Amino acid sequence: GKAWGAFQKKKELMTSKHISLKSKKIIYETYILPVALYATETMTWNVNMCQKIEVFHNHIMRWMTGAKLRDKVSITALYAKTVMKPVLPEINKIKFLWYGHMKRSCLPVRTTFEGMIEGKRKRGRPKRRWRDDISEWCQSLCDWDTINKTVNDRVKWRNHCNAFC
């Protein structure tokens, strides 16, 4: 909702035919995208949330280019025209970097984010934890021991973060 509000404030510029697409991209990446990505590293991402952020991003690209849904312009064509990158890999990268920062710290918040709090969980399907995103996105590293060893080496972890995204 906040991202849509930020877009509404800049809507005149974003939909103007007198401003170049390059300038619109800069406006989007400077004013609107940071609002949309604020605190995304601390969220637990499910399919619904991923779809919402992608729809928002696609909608903004349509506004920037002036393409309507009835024109049936594909998303790949919009990406090519605007020379923008998808948002989800950026969110993954931010979350990986935050995970590495958190794993190297010695704060008690680390156990909270990892979901390793003692006690029993409720009956039924377990809720998705913050840590589940990391394990799902790190399919190439597989087990947690390897991930934890890689996290301790900052340069190696940063290279892995760039490779994942």
N, C-alpha and C. Protein backbone atom coordinates (compact mmCIF):
# COMPACT_ATOMS: atom_id res chain seq x y z
N GLY A 1 0.81 -1.18 0.00
CA GLY A 1 0.00 0.00 0.00
C GLY A 1 0.86 1.26 0.00
N LYS A 2 1.93 1.25 0.77
CA LYS A 2 2.82 2.41 0.83
C LYS A 2 3.49 2.65 -0.53
N ALA A 3 3.84 1.57 -1.22
CA ALA A 3 4.47 1.71 -2.53
C ALA A 3 3.51 2.32 -3.54
N TRP A 4 2.23 1.91 -3.46
CA TRP A 4 1.24 2.52 -4.35
C TRP A 4 1.08 4.00 -4.03
N GLY A 5 1.17 4.34 -2.75
CA GLY A 5 1.10 5.75 -2.35
C GLY A 5 2.27 6.54 -2.91
N ALA A 6 3.46 5.95 -2.86
CA ALA A 6 4.64 6.60 -3.41
C ALA A 6 4.50 6.77 -4.92
N PHE A 7 3.92 5.76 -5.57
CA PHE A 7 3.69 5.86 -7.01
C PHE A 7 2.69 6.98 -7.32
N GLN A 8 1.64 7.08 -6.53
CA GLN A 8 0.62 8.11 -6.78
C GLN A 8 1.22 9.51 -6.69
N LYS A 9 2.20 9.69 -5.79
CA LYS A 9 2.85 11.00 -5.66
C LYS A 9 3.66 11.35 -6.91
N LYS A 10 4.20 10.36 -7.58
CA LYS A 10 5.03 10.57 -8.76
C LYS A 10 4.33 10.16 -10.06
N LYS A 11 3.04 9.93 -9.99
CA LYS A 11 2.29 9.41 -11.13
C LYS A 11 2.36 10.35 -12.34
N GLU A 12 2.32 11.65 -12.08
CA GLU A 12 2.38 12.62 -13.18
C GLU A 12 3.67 12.47 -13.97
N LEU A 13 4.76 12.30 -13.25
CA LEU A 13 6.05 12.13 -13.93
C LEU A 13 6.15 10.77 -14.61
N MET A 14 5.65 9.74 -13.94
CA MET A 14 5.79 8.38 -14.45
C MET A 14 4.95 8.13 -15.70
N THR A 15 3.87 8.88 -15.88
CA THR A 15 2.99 8.66 -17.02
C THR A 15 3.17 9.73 -18.11
N SER A 16 4.05 10.68 -17.87
CA SER A 16 4.26 11.76 -18.83
C SER A 16 4.90 11.23 -20.11
N LYS A 17 4.44 11.75 -21.24
CA LYS A 17 5.02 11.36 -22.53
C LYS A 17 6.21 12.23 -22.89
N HIS A 18 6.46 13.27 -22.08
CA HIS A 18 7.56 14.19 -22.35
C HIS A 18 8.84 13.82 -21.61
N ILE A 19 8.76 12.83 -20.75
CA ILE A 19 9.92 12.39 -19.98
C ILE A 19 10.40 11.06 -20.55
N SER A 20 11.70 10.93 -20.70
CA SER A 20 12.26 9.71 -21.29
C SER A 20 12.06 8.51 -20.36
N LEU A 21 12.10 7.35 -20.95
CA LEU A 21 11.95 6.10 -20.20
C LEU A 21 13.10 5.92 -19.21
N LYS A 22 14.28 6.39 -19.59
CA LYS A 22 15.44 6.31 -18.71
C LYS A 22 15.21 7.14 -17.45
N SER A 23 14.66 8.33 -17.60
CA SER A 23 14.36 9.19 -16.44
C SER A 23 13.28 8.58 -15.57
N LYS A 24 12.28 7.98 -16.19
CA LYS A 24 11.21 7.31 -15.43
C LYS A 24 11.77 6.16 -14.61
N LYS A 25 12.71 5.42 -15.21
CA LYS A 25 13.34 4.31 -14.51
C LYS A 25 14.10 4.81 -13.29
N ILE A 26 14.81 5.92 -13.45
CA ILE A 26 15.56 6.50 -12.33
C ILE A 26 14.61 6.95 -11.23
N ILE A 27 13.49 7.58 -11.60
CA ILE A 27 12.49 8.01 -10.62
C ILE A 27 11.94 6.80 -9.87
N TYR A 28 11.63 5.73 -10.61
CA TYR A 28 11.10 4.52 -9.99
C TYR A 28 12.09 3.91 -9.02
N GLU A 29 13.35 3.80 -9.45
CA GLU A 29 14.36 3.17 -8.60
C GLU A 29 14.77 4.05 -7.42
N THR A 30 14.53 5.34 -7.52
CA THR A 30 14.91 6.26 -6.44
C THR A 30 13.80 6.49 -5.44
N TYR A 31 12.57 6.66 -5.91
CA TYR A 31 11.48 7.07 -5.04
C TYR A 31 10.48 5.96 -4.69
N ILE A 32 10.22 5.07 -5.62
CA ILE A 32 9.14 4.09 -5.42
C ILE A 32 9.65 2.74 -4.96
N LEU A 33 10.69 2.22 -5.62
CA LEU A 33 11.19 0.89 -5.28
C LEU A 33 11.71 0.77 -3.85
N PRO A 34 12.42 1.77 -3.31
CA PRO A 34 12.84 1.63 -1.90
C PRO A 34 11.67 1.52 -0.92
N VAL A 35 10.56 2.17 -1.24
CA VAL A 35 9.37 2.06 -0.39
C VAL A 35 8.82 0.65 -0.48
N ALA A 36 8.80 0.07 -1.69
CA ALA A 36 8.29 -1.29 -1.87
C ALA A 36 9.19 -2.33 -1.22
N LEU A 37 10.50 -2.07 -1.20
CA LEU A 37 11.45 -3.05 -0.67
C LEU A 37 11.79 -2.84 0.79
N TYR A 38 11.19 -1.85 1.42
CA TYR A 38 11.50 -1.54 2.81
C TYR A 38 11.17 -2.74 3.71
N ALA A 39 12.12 -3.19 4.46
CA ALA A 39 12.00 -4.28 5.45
C ALA A 39 11.64 -5.62 4.82
N THR A 40 11.92 -5.81 3.53
CA THR A 40 11.62 -7.09 2.90
C THR A 40 12.55 -8.20 3.37
N GLU A 41 13.72 -7.81 3.91
CA GLU A 41 14.65 -8.84 4.38
C GLU A 41 14.15 -9.53 5.64
N THR A 42 13.21 -8.92 6.35
CA THR A 42 12.71 -9.52 7.58
C THR A 42 11.39 -10.26 7.39
N MET A 43 10.84 -10.23 6.19
CA MET A 43 9.54 -10.89 5.93
C MET A 43 9.74 -12.36 5.59
N THR A 44 8.70 -13.11 5.87
CA THR A 44 8.64 -14.49 5.40
C THR A 44 7.80 -14.47 4.14
N TRP A 45 8.39 -14.88 3.03
CA TRP A 45 7.74 -14.75 1.73
C TRP A 45 6.97 -16.01 1.38
N ASN A 46 5.70 -15.82 1.04
CA ASN A 46 4.90 -16.91 0.51
C ASN A 46 4.55 -16.59 -0.94
N VAL A 47 3.87 -17.49 -1.61
CA VAL A 47 3.58 -17.34 -3.02
C VAL A 47 2.71 -16.09 -3.27
N ASN A 48 1.74 -15.87 -2.39
CA ASN A 48 0.84 -14.73 -2.54
C ASN A 48 1.59 -13.40 -2.48
N MET A 49 2.51 -13.28 -1.55
CA MET A 49 3.27 -12.04 -1.42
C MET A 49 4.19 -11.83 -2.62
N CYS A 50 4.79 -12.90 -3.10
CA CYS A 50 5.67 -12.80 -4.28
C CYS A 50 4.87 -12.35 -5.50
N GLN A 51 3.67 -12.89 -5.65
CA GLN A 51 2.82 -12.50 -6.77
C GLN A 51 2.43 -11.03 -6.67
N LYS A 52 2.11 -10.57 -5.47
CA LYS A 52 1.71 -9.18 -5.29
C LYS A 52 2.82 -8.21 -5.66
N ILE A 53 4.04 -8.50 -5.24
CA ILE A 53 5.14 -7.59 -5.54
C ILE A 53 5.48 -7.62 -7.03
N GLU A 54 5.36 -8.79 -7.66
CA GLU A 54 5.60 -8.87 -9.10
C GLU A 54 4.52 -8.14 -9.89
N VAL A 55 3.27 -8.28 -9.46
CA VAL A 55 2.17 -7.57 -10.13
C VAL A 55 2.37 -6.07 -10.00
N PHE A 56 2.78 -5.61 -8.83
CA PHE A 56 3.06 -4.19 -8.63
C PHE A 56 4.15 -3.72 -9.59
N HIS A 57 5.23 -4.47 -9.66
CA HIS A 57 6.35 -4.11 -10.54
C HIS A 57 5.91 -4.08 -12.01
N ASN A 58 5.16 -5.10 -12.42
CA ASN A 58 4.68 -5.17 -13.80
C ASN A 58 3.72 -4.02 -14.11
N HIS A 59 2.89 -3.70 -13.15
CA HIS A 59 1.93 -2.61 -13.32
C HIS A 59 2.67 -1.28 -13.51
N ILE A 60 3.70 -1.06 -12.74
CA ILE A 60 4.50 0.16 -12.86
C ILE A 60 5.16 0.23 -14.24
N MET A 61 5.68 -0.91 -14.71
CA MET A 61 6.30 -0.92 -16.04
C MET A 61 5.28 -0.57 -17.12
N ARG A 62 4.05 -1.07 -16.96
CA ARG A 62 3.00 -0.72 -17.93
C ARG A 62 2.70 0.77 -17.91
N TRP A 63 2.62 1.36 -16.71
CA TRP A 63 2.37 2.79 -16.59
C TRP A 63 3.51 3.58 -17.23
N MET A 64 4.74 3.14 -17.00
CA MET A 64 5.90 3.85 -17.54
C MET A 64 5.90 3.87 -19.06
N THR A 65 5.57 2.74 -19.66
CA THR A 65 5.62 2.63 -21.12
C THR A 65 4.33 3.07 -21.79
N GLY A 66 3.27 3.19 -21.01
CA GLY A 66 1.98 3.58 -21.59
C GLY A 66 1.24 2.41 -22.20
N ALA A 67 1.68 1.19 -21.93
CA ALA A 67 1.03 0.00 -22.46
C ALA A 67 -0.19 -0.35 -21.63
N LYS A 68 -1.27 -0.65 -22.28
CA LYS A 68 -2.50 -1.07 -21.61
C LYS A 68 -2.60 -2.59 -21.64
N LEU A 69 -3.40 -3.14 -20.77
CA LEU A 69 -3.59 -4.60 -20.77
C LEU A 69 -4.21 -5.08 -22.07
N ARG A 70 -5.08 -4.29 -22.63
CA ARG A 70 -5.75 -4.71 -23.87
C ARG A 70 -4.79 -4.71 -25.07
N ASP A 71 -3.64 -4.04 -24.92
CA ASP A 71 -2.62 -4.07 -25.98
C ASP A 71 -1.89 -5.40 -26.04
N LYS A 72 -2.03 -6.19 -24.98
CA LYS A 72 -1.43 -7.52 -24.87
C LYS A 72 0.09 -7.50 -25.09
N VAL A 73 0.74 -6.56 -24.44
CA VAL A 73 2.20 -6.49 -24.46
C VAL A 73 2.71 -7.44 -23.38
N SER A 74 3.60 -8.34 -23.76
CA SER A 74 4.10 -9.34 -22.80
C SER A 74 5.03 -8.69 -21.78
N ILE A 75 5.17 -9.37 -20.66
CA ILE A 75 6.04 -8.88 -19.59
C ILE A 75 7.50 -8.88 -20.06
N THR A 76 7.89 -9.88 -20.83
CA THR A 76 9.27 -9.92 -21.32
C THR A 76 9.54 -8.73 -22.25
N ALA A 77 8.55 -8.35 -23.03
CA ALA A 77 8.70 -7.17 -23.90
C ALA A 77 8.83 -5.90 -23.06
N LEU A 78 8.08 -5.83 -21.97
CA LEU A 78 8.17 -4.67 -21.08
C LEU A 78 9.54 -4.60 -20.41
N TYR A 79 10.06 -5.75 -19.98
CA TYR A 79 11.39 -5.78 -19.38
C TYR A 79 12.44 -5.33 -20.39
N ALA A 80 12.29 -5.78 -21.63
CA ALA A 80 13.25 -5.39 -22.67
C ALA A 80 13.15 -3.90 -22.96
N LYS A 81 11.95 -3.38 -22.98
CA LYS A 81 11.74 -1.97 -23.31
C LYS A 81 12.23 -1.05 -22.19
N THR A 82 11.97 -1.42 -20.94
CA THR A 82 12.34 -0.57 -19.81
C THR A 82 13.75 -0.84 -19.30
N VAL A 83 14.36 -1.94 -19.70
CA VAL A 83 15.69 -2.36 -19.26
C VAL A 83 15.74 -2.41 -17.72
N MET A 84 14.70 -2.99 -17.13
CA MET A 84 14.62 -3.14 -15.69
C MET A 84 14.81 -4.61 -15.34
N LYS A 85 15.25 -4.85 -14.11
CA LYS A 85 15.44 -6.20 -13.63
C LYS A 85 14.22 -6.62 -12.80
N PRO A 86 13.93 -7.91 -12.72
CA PRO A 86 12.85 -8.37 -11.84
C PRO A 86 13.13 -8.02 -10.38
N VAL A 87 12.08 -7.90 -9.60
CA VAL A 87 12.21 -7.46 -8.21
C VAL A 87 12.56 -8.62 -7.28
N LEU A 88 12.01 -9.79 -7.52
CA LEU A 88 12.21 -10.91 -6.59
C LEU A 88 13.68 -11.31 -6.41
N PRO A 89 14.50 -11.36 -7.46
CA PRO A 89 15.91 -11.65 -7.21
C PRO A 89 16.59 -10.59 -6.34
N GLU A 90 16.17 -9.36 -6.46
CA GLU A 90 16.72 -8.30 -5.61
C GLU A 90 16.32 -8.52 -4.16
N ILE A 91 15.07 -8.93 -3.95
CA ILE A 91 14.60 -9.22 -2.59
C ILE A 91 15.38 -10.40 -2.01
N ASN A 92 15.60 -11.43 -2.83
CA ASN A 92 16.39 -12.59 -2.37
C ASN A 92 17.78 -12.16 -1.96
N LYS A 93 18.40 -11.32 -2.77
CA LYS A 93 19.76 -10.86 -2.47
C LYS A 93 19.79 -10.09 -1.16
N ILE A 94 18.83 -9.19 -0.97
CA ILE A 94 18.77 -8.41 0.26
C ILE A 94 18.60 -9.33 1.47
N LYS A 95 17.74 -10.34 1.31
CA LYS A 95 17.49 -11.26 2.42
C LYS A 95 18.71 -12.12 2.71
N PHE A 96 19.42 -12.57 1.67
CA PHE A 96 20.64 -13.34 1.89
C PHE A 96 21.70 -12.51 2.60
N LEU A 97 21.86 -11.27 2.18
CA LEU A 97 22.86 -10.41 2.82
C LEU A 97 22.51 -10.17 4.28
N TRP A 98 21.21 -9.98 4.56
CA TRP A 98 20.76 -9.80 5.94
C TRP A 98 21.00 -11.07 6.75
N TYR A 99 20.75 -12.22 6.13
CA TYR A 99 20.97 -13.49 6.81
C TYR A 99 22.44 -13.64 7.20
N GLY A 100 23.34 -13.32 6.26
CA GLY A 100 24.77 -13.40 6.56
C GLY A 100 25.16 -12.45 7.67
N HIS A 101 24.63 -11.23 7.64
CA HIS A 101 24.92 -10.25 8.68
C HIS A 101 24.43 -10.74 10.04
N MET A 102 23.24 -11.29 10.04
CA MET A 102 22.64 -11.77 11.28
C MET A 102 23.37 -13.00 11.83
N LYS A 103 23.78 -13.91 10.94
CA LYS A 103 24.47 -15.13 11.38
C LYS A 103 25.83 -14.80 11.99
N ARG A 104 26.48 -13.77 11.48
CA ARG A 104 27.79 -13.40 12.01
C ARG A 104 27.69 -12.60 13.30
N SER A 105 26.51 -12.06 13.59
CA SER A 105 26.36 -11.27 14.82
C SER A 105 26.19 -12.21 16.02
N CYS A 106 26.32 -11.65 17.21
CA CYS A 106 26.14 -12.46 18.41
C CYS A 106 24.95 -11.95 19.22
N LEU A 107 23.99 -11.32 18.56
CA LEU A 107 22.82 -10.78 19.24
C LEU A 107 21.77 -11.87 19.46
N PRO A 108 20.94 -11.73 20.49
CA PRO A 108 19.89 -12.73 20.74
C PRO A 108 18.82 -12.76 19.66
N VAL A 109 18.72 -11.69 18.86
CA VAL A 109 17.71 -11.65 17.80
C VAL A 109 17.97 -12.75 16.76
N ARG A 110 19.19 -13.23 16.72
CA ARG A 110 19.55 -14.28 15.78
C ARG A 110 18.69 -15.52 15.95
N THR A 111 18.46 -15.95 17.18
CA THR A 111 17.65 -17.15 17.41
C THR A 111 16.19 -16.91 17.03
N THR A 112 15.73 -15.69 17.19
CA THR A 112 14.35 -15.38 16.82
C THR A 112 14.15 -15.47 15.31
N PHE A 113 15.06 -14.88 14.55
CA PHE A 113 14.94 -14.91 13.09
C PHE A 113 15.08 -16.32 12.54
N GLU A 114 15.93 -17.12 13.14
CA GLU A 114 16.12 -18.48 12.65
C GLU A 114 14.95 -19.38 13.02
N GLY A 115 14.14 -18.95 13.97
CA GLY A 115 13.00 -19.76 14.37
C GLY A 115 13.38 -20.92 15.26
N MET A 116 14.47 -20.79 15.97
CA MET A 116 14.96 -21.88 16.82
C MET A 116 14.60 -21.64 18.28
N ILE A 117 13.40 -21.16 18.52
CA ILE A 117 12.93 -20.91 19.88
C ILE A 117 12.43 -22.22 20.47
N GLU A 118 12.72 -22.45 21.73
CA GLU A 118 12.32 -23.70 22.36
C GLU A 118 10.81 -23.72 22.57
N GLY A 119 10.27 -24.91 22.57
CA GLY A 119 8.84 -25.09 22.79
C GLY A 119 8.21 -25.85 21.65
N LYS A 120 6.92 -26.13 21.81
CA LYS A 120 6.20 -26.87 20.80
C LYS A 120 5.43 -25.93 19.90
N ARG A 121 5.26 -26.35 18.67
CA ARG A 121 4.45 -25.59 17.73
C ARG A 121 3.03 -26.14 17.78
N LYS A 122 2.09 -25.36 17.29
CA LYS A 122 0.68 -25.78 17.30
C LYS A 122 0.46 -26.95 16.36
N ARG A 123 -0.67 -27.60 16.54
CA ARG A 123 -1.05 -28.70 15.67
C ARG A 123 -1.34 -28.18 14.28
N GLY A 124 -1.28 -29.08 13.30
CA GLY A 124 -1.60 -28.72 11.93
C GLY A 124 -0.36 -28.38 11.13
N ARG A 125 -0.62 -27.84 9.96
CA ARG A 125 0.48 -27.49 9.08
C ARG A 125 1.32 -26.37 9.71
N PRO A 126 2.62 -26.56 9.76
CA PRO A 126 3.46 -25.52 10.38
C PRO A 126 3.48 -24.25 9.54
N LYS A 127 3.50 -23.11 10.22
CA LYS A 127 3.59 -21.84 9.52
C LYS A 127 4.98 -21.70 8.93
N ARG A 128 5.03 -21.00 7.84
CA ARG A 128 6.31 -20.79 7.17
C ARG A 128 7.20 -19.88 8.02
N ARG A 129 8.44 -20.31 8.22
CA ARG A 129 9.38 -19.53 9.02
C ARG A 129 10.31 -18.73 8.12
N TRP A 130 10.93 -17.74 8.71
CA TRP A 130 11.88 -16.89 8.01
C TRP A 130 13.01 -17.74 7.42
N ARG A 131 13.42 -18.71 8.19
CA ARG A 131 14.51 -19.59 7.79
C ARG A 131 14.14 -20.47 6.60
N ASP A 132 12.86 -20.76 6.43
CA ASP A 132 12.40 -21.60 5.32
C ASP A 132 12.69 -20.96 3.96
N ASP A 133 12.58 -19.62 3.90
CA ASP A 133 12.91 -18.92 2.65
C ASP A 133 14.37 -19.15 2.28
N ILE A 134 15.24 -19.01 3.25
CA ILE A 134 16.67 -19.18 3.00
C ILE A 134 16.97 -20.60 2.53
N SER A 135 16.39 -21.60 3.19
CA SER A 135 16.68 -22.99 2.80
C SER A 135 16.10 -23.30 1.43
N GLU A 136 14.95 -22.73 1.09
CA GLU A 136 14.35 -22.97 -0.22
C GLU A 136 15.16 -22.31 -1.33
N TRP A 137 15.64 -21.11 -1.07
CA TRP A 137 16.40 -20.37 -2.09
C TRP A 137 17.83 -20.87 -2.23
N CYS A 138 18.36 -21.55 -1.21
CA CYS A 138 19.75 -22.05 -1.23
C CYS A 138 19.77 -23.51 -1.66
N GLN A 139 19.16 -23.85 -2.73
CA GLN A 139 19.11 -25.25 -3.13
C GLN A 139 20.47 -25.77 -3.56
N SER A 140 21.36 -24.88 -4.01
CA SER A 140 22.67 -25.35 -4.46
C SER A 140 23.58 -25.71 -3.27
N LEU A 141 23.34 -25.10 -2.11
CA LEU A 141 24.17 -25.40 -0.94
C LEU A 141 23.61 -26.54 -0.10
N CYS A 142 22.36 -26.88 -0.33
CA CYS A 142 21.67 -28.01 0.30
C CYS A 142 21.58 -27.95 1.83
N ASP A 143 22.59 -28.39 2.54
CA ASP A 143 22.44 -28.55 3.98
C ASP A 143 22.87 -27.30 4.75
N TRP A 144 22.38 -27.22 5.98
CA TRP A 144 22.61 -26.04 6.82
C TRP A 144 24.05 -25.91 7.27
N ASP A 145 24.76 -27.02 7.41
CA ASP A 145 26.16 -26.95 7.82
C ASP A 145 27.00 -26.20 6.78
N THR A 146 26.77 -26.52 5.52
CA THR A 146 27.49 -25.84 4.44
C THR A 146 27.13 -24.37 4.38
N ILE A 147 25.85 -24.05 4.54
CA ILE A 147 25.41 -22.66 4.52
C ILE A 147 26.06 -21.89 5.66
N ASN A 148 26.07 -22.47 6.86
CA ASN A 148 26.65 -21.78 8.02
C ASN A 148 28.15 -21.59 7.88
N LYS A 149 28.84 -22.53 7.25
CA LYS A 149 30.28 -22.37 7.02
C LYS A 149 30.54 -21.27 5.99
N THR A 150 29.72 -21.23 4.97
CA THR A 150 29.88 -20.22 3.92
C THR A 150 29.60 -18.83 4.44
N VAL A 151 28.62 -18.70 5.33
CA VAL A 151 28.23 -17.39 5.88
C VAL A 151 29.39 -16.74 6.62
N ASN A 152 30.20 -17.51 7.31
CA ASN A 152 31.29 -16.95 8.10
C ASN A 152 32.38 -16.29 7.25
N ASP A 153 32.51 -16.70 6.01
CA ASP A 153 33.46 -16.06 5.09
C ASP A 153 32.69 -15.01 4.28
N ARG A 154 32.89 -13.73 4.60
CA ARG A 154 32.10 -12.65 3.99
C ARG A 154 32.21 -12.61 2.47
N VAL A 155 33.42 -12.72 1.95
CA VAL A 155 33.63 -12.62 0.50
C VAL A 155 32.93 -13.78 -0.22
N LYS A 156 33.11 -14.97 0.30
CA LYS A 156 32.49 -16.15 -0.30
C LYS A 156 30.96 -16.05 -0.23
N TRP A 157 30.43 -15.57 0.90
CA TRP A 157 28.99 -15.44 1.07
C TRP A 157 28.42 -14.39 0.10
N ARG A 158 29.13 -13.27 -0.07
CA ARG A 158 28.68 -12.23 -0.99
C ARG A 158 28.65 -12.77 -2.42
N ASN A 159 29.65 -13.57 -2.78
CA ASN A 159 29.67 -14.19 -4.11
C ASN A 159 28.49 -15.14 -4.29
N HIS A 160 28.16 -15.90 -3.24
CA HIS A 160 27.01 -16.80 -3.31
C HIS A 160 25.71 -16.00 -3.42
N CYS A 161 25.62 -14.89 -2.69
CA CYS A 161 24.42 -14.05 -2.77
C CYS A 161 24.21 -13.53 -4.17
N ASN A 162 25.28 -13.11 -4.82
CA ASN A 162 25.18 -12.63 -6.20
C ASN A 162 24.86 -13.75 -7.16
N ALA A 163 25.33 -14.97 -6.87
CA ALA A 163 25.07 -16.12 -7.74
C ALA A 163 23.62 -16.57 -7.64
N PHE A 164 23.04 -16.47 -6.44
CA PHE A 164 21.65 -16.90 -6.24
C PHE A 164 20.69 -16.02 -7.00
N CYS A 165 21.03 -14.76 -7.13
CA CYS A 165 20.07 -13.79 -7.66
C CYS A 165 20.30 -13.41 -9.06
